[in-house]
C-alpha atoms as a PDB file:
ATOM      1  CA  UNK A   1      38.973-177.480-154.370  1.00  0.00           C
ATOM      2  CA  UNK A   2      41.982-177.100-156.674  1.00  0.00           C
ATOM      3  CA  UNK A   3      45.284-178.839-155.927  1.00  0.00           C
ATOM      4  CA  UNK A   4      47.166-175.535-155.619  1.00  0.00           C
ATOM      5  CA  UNK A   5      44.613-174.153-153.151  1.00  0.00           C
ATOM      6  CA  UNK A   6      44.760-177.342-151.091  1.00  0.00           C
ATOM      7  CA  UNK A   7      48.576-177.153-150.914  1.00  0.00           C
ATOM      8  CA  UNK A   8      48.354-173.484-149.904  1.00  0.00           C
ATOM      9  CA  UNK A   9      45.914-174.233-147.059  1.00  0.00           C
ATOM     10  CA  UNK A  10      48.064-177.129-145.906  1.00  0.00           C
ATOM     11  CA  UNK A  11      51.141-174.884-145.789  1.00  0.00           C
ATOM     12  CA  UNK A  12      49.219-172.223-143.852  1.00  0.00           C
ATOM     13  CA  UNK A  13      48.047-174.863-141.359  1.00  0.00           C
ATOM     14  CA  UNK A  14      51.623-175.908-140.580  1.00  0.00           C
ATOM     15  CA  UNK A  15      52.684-172.235-140.522  1.00  0.00           C
ATOM     16  CA  UNK A  16      50.093-171.359-137.858  1.00  0.00           C
ATOM     17  CA  UNK A  17      51.016-174.429-135.812  1.00  0.00           C
ATOM     18  CA  UNK A  18      54.660-173.367-135.914  1.00  0.00           C
ATOM     19  CA  UNK A  19      53.774-169.807-134.865  1.00  0.00           C
ATOM     20  CA  UNK A  20      51.723-171.088-131.897  1.00  0.00           C
ATOM     21  CA  UNK A  21      54.614-173.293-130.760  1.00  0.00           C
ATOM     22  CA  UNK A  22      57.111-170.437-131.058  1.00  0.00           C
ATOM     23  CA  UNK A  23      54.827-168.113-129.082  1.00  0.00           C
ATOM     24  CA  UNK A  24      54.484-170.703-126.345  1.00  0.00           C
ATOM     25  CA  UNK A  25      58.263-171.184-126.154  1.00  0.00           C
ATOM     26  CA  UNK A  26      58.804-167.411-126.020  1.00  0.00           C
ATOM     27  CA  UNK A  27      56.195-167.070-123.272  1.00  0.00           C
ATOM     28  CA  UNK A  28      57.903-169.879-121.363  1.00  0.00           C
ATOM     29  CA  UNK A  29      61.294-168.158-121.420  1.00  0.00           C
ATOM     30  CA  UNK A  30      59.656-164.815-120.610  1.00  0.00           C
ATOM     31  CA  UNK A  31      58.042-166.326-117.543  1.00  0.00           C
ATOM     32  CA  UNK A  32      61.316-167.872-116.433  1.00  0.00           C
ATOM     33  CA  UNK A  33      63.141-164.604-116.954  1.00  0.00           C
ATOM     34  CA  UNK A  34      60.811-162.827-114.563  1.00  0.00           C
ATOM     35  CA  UNK A  35      61.377-162.507-110.862  1.00  0.00           C
ATOM     36  CA  UNK A  36      59.164-163.270-107.893  1.00  0.00           C
ATOM     37  CA  UNK A  37      56.622-160.507-108.520  1.00  0.00           C
ATOM     38  CA  UNK A  38      53.403-160.780-110.459  1.00  0.00           C
ATOM     39  CA  UNK A  39      50.605-163.316-110.382  1.00  0.00           C
ATOM     40  CA  UNK A  40      51.678-165.071-113.598  1.00  0.00           C
ATOM     41  CA  UNK A  41      55.423-165.154-112.913  1.00  0.00           C
ATOM     42  CA  UNK A  42      57.519-167.881-111.390  1.00  0.00           C
ATOM     43  CA  UNK A  43      59.738-167.657-108.340  1.00  0.00           C
ATOM     44  CA  UNK A  44      63.125-169.288-107.891  1.00  0.00           C
ATOM     45  CA  UNK A  45      61.336-171.975-105.860  1.00  0.00           C
ATOM     46  CA  UNK A  46      59.033-172.767-108.794  1.00  0.00           C
ATOM     47  CA  UNK A  47      62.002-173.003-111.138  1.00  0.00           C
ATOM     48  CA  UNK A  48      63.804-175.297-108.708  1.00  0.00           C
ATOM     49  CA  UNK A  49      60.707-177.540-108.508  1.00  0.00           C
ATOM     50  CA  UNK A  50      60.656-177.849-112.305  1.00  0.00           C
ATOM     51  CA  UNK A  51      64.347-178.795-112.282  1.00  0.00           C
ATOM     52  CA  UNK A  52      63.648-181.543-109.731  1.00  0.00           C
ATOM     53  CA  UNK A  53      60.774-182.829-111.870  1.00  0.00           C
ATOM     54  CA  UNK A  54      62.989-182.957-114.954  1.00  0.00           C
ATOM     55  CA  UNK A  55      66.246-184.134-113.374  1.00  0.00           C
ATOM     56  CA  UNK A  56      65.890-187.624-114.871  1.00  0.00           C
ATOM     57  CA  UNK A  57      64.996-186.362-118.341  1.00  0.00           C
ATOM     58  CA  UNK A  58      67.429-186.671-121.238  1.00  0.00           C
ATOM     59  CA  UNK A  59      66.427-183.138-122.345  1.00  0.00           C
ATOM     60  CA  UNK A  60      65.662-180.928-119.350  1.00  0.00           C
ATOM     61  CA  UNK A  61      64.642-177.897-121.454  1.00  0.00           C
ATOM     62  CA  UNK A  62      61.997-179.842-123.376  1.00  0.00           C
ATOM     63  CA  UNK A  63      60.817-181.461-120.158  1.00  0.00           C
ATOM     64  CA  UNK A  64      60.548-178.022-118.518  1.00  0.00           C
ATOM     65  CA  UNK A  65      58.381-176.835-121.394  1.00  0.00           C
ATOM     66  CA  UNK A  66      56.079-179.845-120.966  1.00  0.00           C
ATOM     67  CA  UNK A  67      55.817-179.363-117.194  1.00  0.00           C
ATOM     68  CA  UNK A  68      54.968-175.660-117.599  1.00  0.00           C
ATOM     69  CA  UNK A  69      52.463-176.334-120.367  1.00  0.00           C
ATOM     70  CA  UNK A  70      50.676-179.023-118.360  1.00  0.00           C
ATOM     71  CA  UNK A  71      50.658-176.807-115.264  1.00  0.00           C
ATOM     72  CA  UNK A  72      48.991-173.911-117.097  1.00  0.00           C
ATOM     73  CA  UNK A  73      46.626-176.073-119.165  1.00  0.00           C
ATOM     74  CA  UNK A  74      45.328-177.710-115.980  1.00  0.00           C
ATOM     75  CA  UNK A  75      44.313-174.267-114.698  1.00  0.00           C
ATOM     76  CA  UNK A  76      47.000-173.757-112.037  1.00  0.00           C
ATOM     77  CA  UNK A  77      48.282-170.306-111.118  1.00  0.00           C
ATOM     78  CA  UNK A  78      51.604-169.528-109.498  1.00  0.00           C
ATOM     79  CA  UNK A  79      51.326-168.822-105.791  1.00  0.00           C
ATOM     80  CA  UNK A  80      52.377-165.283-104.836  1.00  0.00           C
ATOM     81  CA  UNK A  81      52.809-163.527-101.489  1.00  0.00           C
ATOM     82  CA  UNK A  82      51.586-159.953-101.928  1.00  0.00           C
ATOM     83  CA  UNK A  83      49.150-160.440 -99.032  1.00  0.00           C
ATOM     84  CA  UNK A  84      51.827-161.729 -96.627  1.00  0.00           C
ATOM     85  CA  UNK A  85      54.443-159.836 -94.673  1.00  0.00           C
ATOM     86  CA  UNK A  86      58.159-160.606 -95.100  1.00  0.00           C
ATOM     87  CA  UNK A  87      58.328-162.962 -92.114  1.00  0.00           C
ATOM     88  CA  UNK A  88      55.303-164.962 -93.296  1.00  0.00           C
ATOM     89  CA  UNK A  89      56.707-165.165 -96.827  1.00  0.00           C
ATOM     90  CA  UNK A  90      60.009-166.467 -95.446  1.00  0.00           C
ATOM     91  CA  UNK A  91      58.205-169.136 -93.394  1.00  0.00           C
ATOM     92  CA  UNK A  92      56.200-170.247 -96.436  1.00  0.00           C
ATOM     93  CA  UNK A  93      59.307-170.675 -98.591  1.00  0.00           C
ATOM     94  CA  UNK A  94      61.227-172.559 -95.882  1.00  0.00           C
ATOM     95  CA  UNK A  95      58.381-174.924 -94.968  1.00  0.00           C
ATOM     96  CA  UNK A  96      57.811-175.880 -98.622  1.00  0.00           C
ATOM     97  CA  UNK A  97      61.425-176.626 -99.557  1.00  0.00           C
ATOM     98  CA  UNK A  98      60.840-180.385 -99.247  1.00  0.00           C
ATOM     99  CA  UNK A  99      57.823-180.169-101.574  1.00  0.00           C
ATOM    100  CA  UNK A 100      60.098-179.074-104.450  1.00  0.00           C
ATOM    101  CA  UNK A 101      61.320-182.652-104.789  1.00  0.00           C
ATOM    102  CA  UNK A 102      57.789-183.741-105.768  1.00  0.00           C
ATOM    103  CA  UNK A 103      57.676-181.262-108.656  1.00  0.00           C
ATOM    104  CA  UNK A 104      55.966-178.035-109.635  1.00  0.00           C
ATOM    105  CA  UNK A 105      52.367-178.852-108.694  1.00  0.00           C
ATOM    106  CA  UNK A 106      53.244-180.184-105.234  1.00  0.00           C
ATOM    107  CA  UNK A 107      55.448-177.180-104.481  1.00  0.00           C
ATOM    108  CA  UNK A 108      52.837-174.701-105.673  1.00  0.00           C
ATOM    109  CA  UNK A 109      50.084-176.489-103.708  1.00  0.00           C
ATOM    110  CA  UNK A 110      52.255-176.341-100.580  1.00  0.00           C
ATOM    111  CA  UNK A 111      52.728-172.590-101.001  1.00  0.00           C
ATOM    112  CA  UNK A 112      48.991-172.066-101.516  1.00  0.00           C
ATOM    113  CA  UNK A 113      48.084-174.033 -98.367  1.00  0.00           C
ATOM    114  CA  UNK A 114      50.693-172.282 -96.257  1.00  0.00           C
ATOM    115  CA  UNK A 115      49.598-168.913 -97.580  1.00  0.00           C
ATOM    116  CA  UNK A 116      46.001-169.633 -96.514  1.00  0.00           C
ATOM    117  CA  UNK A 117      47.257-170.770 -93.113  1.00  0.00           C
ATOM    118  CA  UNK A 118      49.322-167.616 -92.638  1.00  0.00           C
ATOM    119  CA  UNK A 119      46.379-165.404 -93.584  1.00  0.00           C
ATOM    120  CA  UNK A 120      44.447-167.164 -90.807  1.00  0.00           C
ATOM    121  CA  UNK A 121      47.241-166.208 -88.419  1.00  0.00           C
ATOM    122  CA  UNK A 122      48.693-169.710 -87.978  1.00  0.00           C
ATOM    123  CA  UNK A 123      51.393-170.358 -90.635  1.00  0.00           C
ATOM    124  CA  UNK A 124      51.092-174.068 -89.821  1.00  0.00           C
ATOM    125  CA  UNK A 125      53.228-176.547 -91.756  1.00  0.00           C
ATOM    126  CA  UNK A 126      51.072-178.252 -94.428  1.00  0.00           C
ATOM    127  CA  UNK A 127      51.076-181.976 -95.125  1.00  0.00           C
ATOM    128  CA  UNK A 128      53.321-182.474 -98.158  1.00  0.00           C
ATOM    129  CA  UNK A 129      52.178-185.156-100.589  1.00  0.00           C
ATOM    130  CA  UNK A 130      53.270-186.156-104.107  1.00  0.00           C
ATOM    131  CA  UNK A 131      50.970-185.059-106.943  1.00  0.00           C
ATOM    132  CA  UNK A 132      48.154-187.398-107.827  1.00  0.00           C
ATOM    133  CA  UNK A 133      49.043-189.524-110.832  1.00  0.00           C
ATOM    134  CA  UNK A 134      46.214-190.598-113.102  1.00  0.00           C
ATOM    135  CA  UNK A 135      46.078-194.361-112.633  1.00  0.00           C
ATOM    136  CA  UNK A 136      43.782-194.661-115.634  1.00  0.00           C
ATOM    137  CA  UNK A 137      46.475-192.976-117.736  1.00  0.00           C
ATOM    138  CA  UNK A 138      49.192-195.337-116.502  1.00  0.00           C
ATOM    139  CA  UNK A 139      46.903-198.314-117.085  1.00  0.00           C
ATOM    140  CA  UNK A 140      46.935-197.600-120.815  1.00  0.00           C
ATOM    141  CA  UNK A 141      50.578-198.686-120.936  1.00  0.00           C
ATOM    142  CA  UNK A 142      50.103-201.733-118.689  1.00  0.00           C
ATOM    143  CA  UNK A 143      49.051-205.182-119.909  1.00  0.00           C
ATOM    144  CA  UNK A 144      47.923-208.522-118.532  1.00  0.00           C
ATOM    145  CA  UNK A 145      49.808-211.534-119.910  1.00  0.00           C
ATOM    146  CA  UNK A 146      48.262-215.012-120.007  1.00  0.00           C
ATOM    147  CA  UNK A 147      49.824-218.197-121.396  1.00  0.00           C
ATOM    148  CA  UNK A 148      47.339-220.796-122.579  1.00  0.00           C
ATOM    149  CA  UNK A 149      48.003-224.439-123.394  1.00  0.00           C
ATOM    150  CA  UNK A 150      45.849-226.334-125.867  1.00  0.00           C
ATOM    151  CA  UNK A 151      45.798-229.900-124.678  1.00  0.00           C
ATOM    152  CA  UNK A 152      43.066-230.514-127.220  1.00  0.00           C
ATOM    153  CA  UNK A 153      40.648-228.474-129.331  1.00  0.00           C
ATOM    154  CA  UNK A 154      38.122-228.442-126.519  1.00  0.00           C
ATOM    155  CA  UNK A 155      40.587-228.277-123.638  1.00  0.00           C
ATOM    156  CA  UNK A 156      42.478-224.954-123.588  1.00  0.00           C
ATOM    157  CA  UNK A 157      43.688-223.961-120.129  1.00  0.00           C
ATOM    158  CA  UNK A 158      45.799-221.122-118.655  1.00  0.00           C
ATOM    159  CA  UNK A 159      49.190-222.339-117.416  1.00  0.00           C
ATOM    160  CA  UNK A 160      50.814-219.100-116.338  1.00  0.00           C
ATOM    161  CA  UNK A 161      51.009-215.360-116.775  1.00  0.00           C
ATOM    162  CA  UNK A 162      51.793-212.032-115.218  1.00  0.00           C
ATOM    163  CA  UNK A 163      51.914-208.365-116.181  1.00  0.00           C
ATOM    164  CA  UNK A 164      53.828-206.216-118.652  1.00  0.00           C
ATOM    165  CA  UNK A 165      54.550-202.657-119.744  1.00  0.00           C
ATOM    166  CA  UNK A 166      54.282-201.283-123.295  1.00  0.00           C
ATOM    167  CA  UNK A 167      57.656-199.864-124.390  1.00  0.00           C
ATOM    168  CA  UNK A 168      57.123-199.450-128.138  1.00  0.00           C
ATOM    169  CA  UNK A 169      54.487-199.446-130.875  1.00  0.00           C
ATOM    170  CA  UNK A 170      54.457-203.244-130.883  1.00  0.00           C
ATOM    171  CA  UNK A 171      56.765-204.067-127.976  1.00  0.00           C
ATOM    172  CA  UNK A 172      56.038-205.101-124.378  1.00  0.00           C
ATOM    173  CA  UNK A 173      58.566-205.634-121.570  1.00  0.00           C
ATOM    174  CA  UNK A 174      58.037-208.287-118.912  1.00  0.00           C
ATOM    175  CA  UNK A 175      59.988-210.838-116.860  1.00  0.00           C
ATOM    176  CA  UNK A 176      61.465-213.841-118.633  1.00  0.00           C
ATOM    177  CA  UNK A 177      60.157-216.081-115.875  1.00  0.00           C
ATOM    178  CA  UNK A 178      56.677-214.994-117.048  1.00  0.00           C
ATOM    179  CA  UNK A 179      57.172-215.089-120.820  1.00  0.00           C
ATOM    180  CA  UNK A 180      59.328-218.169-121.234  1.00  0.00           C
ATOM    181  CA  UNK A 181      56.583-220.433-119.916  1.00  0.00           C
ATOM    182  CA  UNK A 182      55.121-220.053-123.404  1.00  0.00           C
ATOM    183  CA  UNK A 183      58.194-221.608-125.042  1.00  0.00           C
ATOM    184  CA  UNK A 184      58.335-224.749-122.913  1.00  0.00           C
ATOM    185  CA  UNK A 185      55.834-226.620-125.088  1.00  0.00           C
ATOM    186  CA  UNK A 186      54.856-226.159-128.747  1.00  0.00           C
ATOM    187  CA  UNK A 187      51.120-226.112-128.012  1.00  0.00           C
ATOM    188  CA  UNK A 188      51.280-223.016-125.837  1.00  0.00           C
ATOM    189  CA  UNK A 189      50.229-219.532-126.923  1.00  0.00           C
ATOM    190  CA  UNK A 190      51.051-216.154-125.367  1.00  0.00           C
ATOM    191  CA  UNK A 191      48.210-213.620-125.192  1.00  0.00           C
ATOM    192  CA  UNK A 192      48.239-210.024-123.924  1.00  0.00           C
ATOM    193  CA  UNK A 193      45.506-207.490-123.256  1.00  0.00           C
ATOM    194  CA  UNK A 194      45.177-203.980-121.901  1.00  0.00           C
ATOM    195  CA  UNK A 195      44.368-203.726-118.203  1.00  0.00           C
ATOM    196  CA  UNK A 196      40.607-203.809-117.587  1.00  0.00           C
ATOM    197  CA  UNK A 197      39.846-204.296-121.288  1.00  0.00           C
ATOM    198  CA  UNK A 198      38.437-207.344-123.076  1.00  0.00           C
ATOM    199  CA  UNK A 199      40.330-207.988-126.309  1.00  0.00           C
ATOM    200  CA  UNK A 200      43.423-210.201-126.251  1.00  0.00           C
ATOM    201  CA  UNK A 201      46.198-210.057-128.835  1.00  0.00           C
ATOM    202  CA  UNK A 202      48.751-212.668-129.836  1.00  0.00           C
ATOM    203  CA  UNK A 203      52.366-211.966-128.931  1.00  0.00           C
ATOM    204  CA  UNK A 204      55.702-213.731-129.249  1.00  0.00           C
ATOM    205  CA  UNK A 205      59.089-213.453-127.577  1.00  0.00           C
ATOM    206  CA  UNK A 206      61.127-210.883-129.520  1.00  0.00           C
ATOM    207  CA  UNK A 207      64.251-210.449-127.372  1.00  0.00           C
ATOM    208  CA  UNK A 208      65.410-211.924-124.087  1.00  0.00           C
ATOM    209  CA  UNK A 209      68.103-211.428-121.499  1.00  0.00           C
ATOM    210  CA  UNK A 210      67.511-214.231-119.046  1.00  0.00           C
ATOM    211  CA  UNK A 211      70.384-213.296-116.756  1.00  0.00           C
ATOM    212  CA  UNK A 212      68.515-210.064-115.899  1.00  0.00           C
ATOM    213  CA  UNK A 213      65.055-211.685-116.128  1.00  0.00           C
ATOM    214  CA  UNK A 214      63.974-209.212-118.826  1.00  0.00           C
ATOM    215  CA  UNK A 215      62.123-210.290-121.975  1.00  0.00           C
ATOM    216  CA  UNK A 216      60.622-208.185-124.777  1.00  0.00           C
ATOM    217  CA  UNK A 217      57.430-209.401-126.439  1.00  0.00           C
ATOM    218  CA  UNK A 218      56.241-208.352-129.891  1.00  0.00           C
ATOM    219  CA  UNK A 219      52.544-208.030-130.646  1.00  0.00           C
ATOM    220  CA  UNK A 220      51.589-209.876-133.804  1.00  0.00           C
ATOM    221  CA  UNK A 221      50.019-207.669-136.454  1.00  0.00           C
ATOM    222  CA  UNK A 222      46.671-209.384-136.703  1.00  0.00           C
ATOM    223  CA  UNK A 223      43.634-207.102-136.934  1.00  0.00           C
ATOM    224  CA  UNK A 224      41.506-209.873-135.503  1.00  0.00           C
ATOM    225  CA  UNK A 225      43.300-209.396-132.183  1.00  0.00           C
ATOM    226  CA  UNK A 226      43.232-205.715-131.268  1.00  0.00           C
ATOM    227  CA  UNK A 227      45.360-204.163-128.557  1.00  0.00           C
ATOM    228  CA  UNK A 228      45.776-200.466-127.795  1.00  0.00           C
ATOM    229  CA  UNK A 229      49.519-199.803-127.749  1.00  0.00           C
ATOM    230  CA  UNK A 230      50.356-196.693-125.678  1.00  0.00           C
ATOM    231  CA  UNK A 231      54.102-196.772-124.917  1.00  0.00           C
ATOM    232  CA  UNK A 232      55.510-195.259-121.740  1.00  0.00           C
ATOM    233  CA  UNK A 233      56.930-191.774-122.194  1.00  0.00           C
ATOM    234  CA  UNK A 234      60.191-192.107-120.375  1.00  0.00           C
ATOM    235  CA  UNK A 235      62.468-194.549-118.566  1.00  0.00           C
ATOM    236  CA  UNK A 236      64.392-193.190-115.559  1.00  0.00           C
ATOM    237  CA  UNK A 237      67.968-194.366-115.193  1.00  0.00           C
ATOM    238  CA  UNK A 238      68.993-196.362-112.131  1.00  0.00           C
ATOM    239  CA  UNK A 239      71.643-193.830-111.094  1.00  0.00           C
ATOM    240  CA  UNK A 240      68.972-191.107-110.890  1.00  0.00           C
ATOM    241  CA  UNK A 241      67.000-192.973-108.199  1.00  0.00           C
ATOM    242  CA  UNK A 242      67.333-192.499-104.444  1.00  0.00           C
ATOM    243  CA  UNK A 243      66.042-194.088-101.272  1.00  0.00           C
ATOM    244  CA  UNK A 244      62.832-192.431-100.155  1.00  0.00           C
ATOM    245  CA  UNK A 245      61.608-191.730-103.693  1.00  0.00           C
ATOM    246  CA  UNK A 246      57.868-192.201-104.239  1.00  0.00           C
ATOM    247  CA  UNK A 247      56.827-195.197-106.383  1.00  0.00           C
ATOM    248  CA  UNK A 248      53.616-196.719-107.756  1.00  0.00           C
ATOM    249  CA  UNK A 249      52.937-200.267-108.952  1.00  0.00           C
ATOM    250  CA  UNK A 250      50.253-201.465-111.373  1.00  0.00           C
ATOM    251  CA  UNK A 251      49.587-205.083-112.249  1.00  0.00           C
ATOM    252  CA  UNK A 252      47.431-208.106-111.539  1.00  0.00           C
ATOM    253  CA  UNK A 253      48.504-209.543-108.162  1.00  0.00           C
ATOM    254  CA  UNK A 254      46.431-212.554-107.114  1.00  0.00           C
ATOM    255  CA  UNK A 255      44.118-211.929-110.094  1.00  0.00           C
ATOM    256  CA  UNK A 256      43.239-208.353-109.024  1.00  0.00           C
ATOM    257  CA  UNK A 257      43.443-206.804-112.485  1.00  0.00           C
ATOM    258  CA  UNK A 258      44.643-203.211-112.420  1.00  0.00           C
ATOM    259  CA  UNK A 259      45.628-203.308-108.739  1.00  0.00           C
ATOM    260  CA  UNK A 260      47.739-200.267-107.848  1.00  0.00           C
ATOM    261  CA  UNK A 261      49.778-199.499-104.742  1.00  0.00           C
ATOM    262  CA  UNK A 262      52.014-196.697-103.495  1.00  0.00           C
ATOM    263  CA  UNK A 263      55.274-196.847-101.595  1.00  0.00           C
ATOM    264  CA  UNK A 264      58.854-195.630-101.437  1.00  0.00           C
ATOM    265  CA  UNK A 265      62.246-196.949-102.471  1.00  0.00           C
ATOM    266  CA  UNK A 266      63.944-198.649 -99.521  1.00  0.00           C
ATOM    267  CA  UNK A 267      67.103-200.012-101.112  1.00  0.00           C
ATOM    268  CA  UNK A 268      69.086-199.746-104.346  1.00  0.00           C
ATOM    269  CA  UNK A 269      71.912-202.082-105.300  1.00  0.00           C
ATOM    270  CA  UNK A 270      73.176-205.036-107.275  1.00  0.00           C
ATOM    271  CA  UNK A 271      71.808-208.531-106.826  1.00  0.00           C
ATOM    272  CA  UNK A 272      75.223-209.926-105.903  1.00  0.00           C
ATOM    273  CA  UNK A 273      75.785-207.318-103.206  1.00  0.00           C
ATOM    274  CA  UNK A 274      72.519-208.152-101.482  1.00  0.00           C
ATOM    275  CA  UNK A 275      72.552-211.933-101.928  1.00  0.00           C
ATOM    276  CA  UNK A 276      69.413-211.920-104.080  1.00  0.00           C
ATOM    277  CA  UNK A 277      70.673-213.716-107.168  1.00  0.00           C
ATOM    278  CA  UNK A 278      68.235-216.612-106.642  1.00  0.00           C
ATOM    279  CA  UNK A 279      64.477-216.409-106.066  1.00  0.00           C
ATOM    280  CA  UNK A 280      62.327-219.492-106.355  1.00  0.00           C
ATOM    281  CA  UNK A 281      63.673-221.537-109.256  1.00  0.00           C
ATOM    282  CA  UNK A 282      65.061-218.491-111.055  1.00  0.00           C
ATOM    283  CA  UNK A 283      68.593-217.082-110.973  1.00  0.00           C
ATOM    284  CA  UNK A 284      69.796-213.637-112.054  1.00  0.00           C
ATOM    285  CA  UNK A 285      73.250-212.173-112.665  1.00  0.00           C
ATOM    286  CA  UNK A 286      75.187-210.597-109.814  1.00  0.00           C
ATOM    287  CA  UNK A 287      75.309-207.209-111.593  1.00  0.00           C
ATOM    288  CA  UNK A 288      71.501-207.011-111.961  1.00  0.00           C
ATOM    289  CA  UNK A 289      70.293-203.589-110.784  1.00  0.00           C
ATOM    290  CA  UNK A 290      67.536-204.124-108.230  1.00  0.00           C
ATOM    291  CA  UNK A 291      65.089-201.775-106.522  1.00  0.00           C
ATOM    292  CA  UNK A 292      63.593-202.744-103.168  1.00  0.00           C
ATOM    293  CA  UNK A 293      60.366-200.837-102.444  1.00  0.00           C
ATOM    294  CA  UNK A 294      57.345-200.851-100.146  1.00  0.00           C
ATOM    295  CA  UNK A 295      54.542-200.767-102.779  1.00  0.00           C
ATOM    296  CA  UNK A 296      52.534-203.998-102.572  1.00  0.00           C
ATOM    297  CA  UNK A 297      53.088-206.729-105.183  1.00  0.00           C
ATOM    298  CA  UNK A 298      52.277-210.449-105.243  1.00  0.00           C
ATOM    299  CA  UNK A 299      51.959-213.368-107.656  1.00  0.00           C
ATOM    300  CA  UNK A 300      50.672-211.908-110.941  1.00  0.00           C
ATOM    301  CA  UNK A 301      52.551-208.622-110.486  1.00  0.00           C
ATOM    302  CA  UNK A 302      55.675-210.037-112.157  1.00  0.00           C
ATOM    303  CA  UNK A 303      56.660-208.022-115.212  1.00  0.00           C
ATOM    304  CA  UNK A 304      54.372-205.124-114.330  1.00  0.00           C
ATOM    305  CA  UNK A 305      55.601-201.527-114.131  1.00  0.00           C
ATOM    306  CA  UNK A 306      57.100-199.614-111.243  1.00  0.00           C
ATOM    307  CA  UNK A 307      56.519-195.881-111.812  1.00  0.00           C
ATOM    308  CA  UNK A 308      58.012-192.799-110.160  1.00  0.00           C
ATOM    309  CA  UNK A 309      56.162-189.670-108.988  1.00  0.00           C
ATOM    310  CA  UNK A 310      55.901-188.373-112.573  1.00  0.00           C
ATOM    311  CA  UNK A 311      54.492-191.592-114.016  1.00  0.00           C
ATOM    312  CA  UNK A 312      57.832-192.478-115.625  1.00  0.00           C
ATOM    313  CA  UNK A 313      58.994-196.092-115.649  1.00  0.00           C
ATOM    314  CA  UNK A 314      61.832-196.987-113.278  1.00  0.00           C
ATOM    315  CA  UNK A 315      61.604-200.793-113.350  1.00  0.00           C
ATOM    316  CA  UNK A 316      59.507-203.946-113.632  1.00  0.00           C
ATOM    317  CA  UNK A 317      58.252-205.778-110.561  1.00  0.00           C
ATOM    318  CA  UNK A 318      59.842-209.197-110.288  1.00  0.00           C
ATOM    319  CA  UNK A 319      59.446-210.880-106.912  1.00  0.00           C
ATOM    320  CA  UNK A 320      58.470-210.109-103.340  1.00  0.00           C
ATOM    321  CA  UNK A 321      56.297-210.749-100.328  1.00  0.00           C
ATOM    322  CA  UNK A 322      54.453-208.612 -97.789  1.00  0.00           C
ATOM    323  CA  UNK A 323      57.645-206.867 -96.617  1.00  0.00           C
ATOM    324  CA  UNK A 324      60.290-207.129 -99.341  1.00  0.00           C
ATOM    325  CA  UNK A 325      59.285-206.248-102.896  1.00  0.00           C
ATOM    326  CA  UNK A 326      61.866-206.129-105.664  1.00  0.00           C
ATOM    327  CA  UNK A 327      61.978-204.711-109.182  1.00  0.00           C
ATOM    328  CA  UNK A 328      64.537-204.932-111.967  1.00  0.00           C
ATOM    329  CA  UNK A 329      65.793-201.535-113.176  1.00  0.00           C
ATOM    330  CA  UNK A 330      64.506-200.347-116.540  1.00  0.00           C
ATOM    331  CA  UNK A 331      68.165-199.799-117.493  1.00  0.00           C
ATOM    332  CA  UNK A 332      68.140-203.488-118.422  1.00  0.00           C
ATOM    333  CA  UNK A 333      65.057-202.970-120.624  1.00  0.00           C
ATOM    334  CA  UNK A 334      66.720-200.111-122.488  1.00  0.00           C
ATOM    335  CA  UNK A 335      69.938-202.067-122.961  1.00  0.00           C
ATOM    336  CA  UNK A 336      68.016-205.007-124.398  1.00  0.00           C
ATOM    337  CA  UNK A 337      66.041-202.776-126.781  1.00  0.00           C
ATOM    338  CA  UNK A 338      69.271-201.238-128.087  1.00  0.00           C
ATOM    339  CA  UNK A 339      70.981-204.584-128.748  1.00  0.00           C
END
């Protein structure tokens, strides 16, 4: 194939990709411009649900496009009410208001269930649940951290560890009280691996902010030690969180690699306000932004991610027990990455 022909085909490839993207964007705005009628058109309730899902995004329009695209690609159709009378339609919209806060899929599912119930003559309030988040997908951004000490060539033992979350192509966020164990002695090495995978990779401390218990690790570029680096998509700011929000943890509590738990946010505040500046032998600054939640964590969870209903990072799990589990806001991770 000649060079000129190859360049022509390459240009046409990018041209067609651009046309497809433009058509999708136009279809998106066409759908949003439509009213409540028609099987493929959104209602005001659907648009509100998308706004809730994207309220923590830095670019709500782009986020809305992604939410709509995922919704349609997964085979969902917008719930409509042609088969219901006006009173039944009103009941359906009122009963599903709370579901909007869980996003487009949850709201649409609520409408579908209530519609079926109304057609059966009941119009019973459905159980509202957050959308199922793919744990396997979130696992790809979560790592296990192990610190080994080589007392001799034939005596290499683990001396500590925890969990972490991938925040860049070579960067991993975790707690300093996990990572800094590796710097206490010169014969210690810090290894990381993907959750439920086999290969470990060497890493080193890249940045640290001990007063907030946040450290950034950098994976060493050694092909002998392979690690799949899938960074998180988005970090939700602390001021966008609220009590009652759904959360999910992933980590390795008590050696249970990949353990995941659900819960809700119970408290939001500063460490100084709540008297939680000291835990164990570690001390954090009074202005540390902390999240108290009900999703189970234990020893080994430290440094692991705390996700919201959309699978976005809101913090890293730091300390807790059966009743009181605390995370450090990902605001502190972002600030450290910028500095």
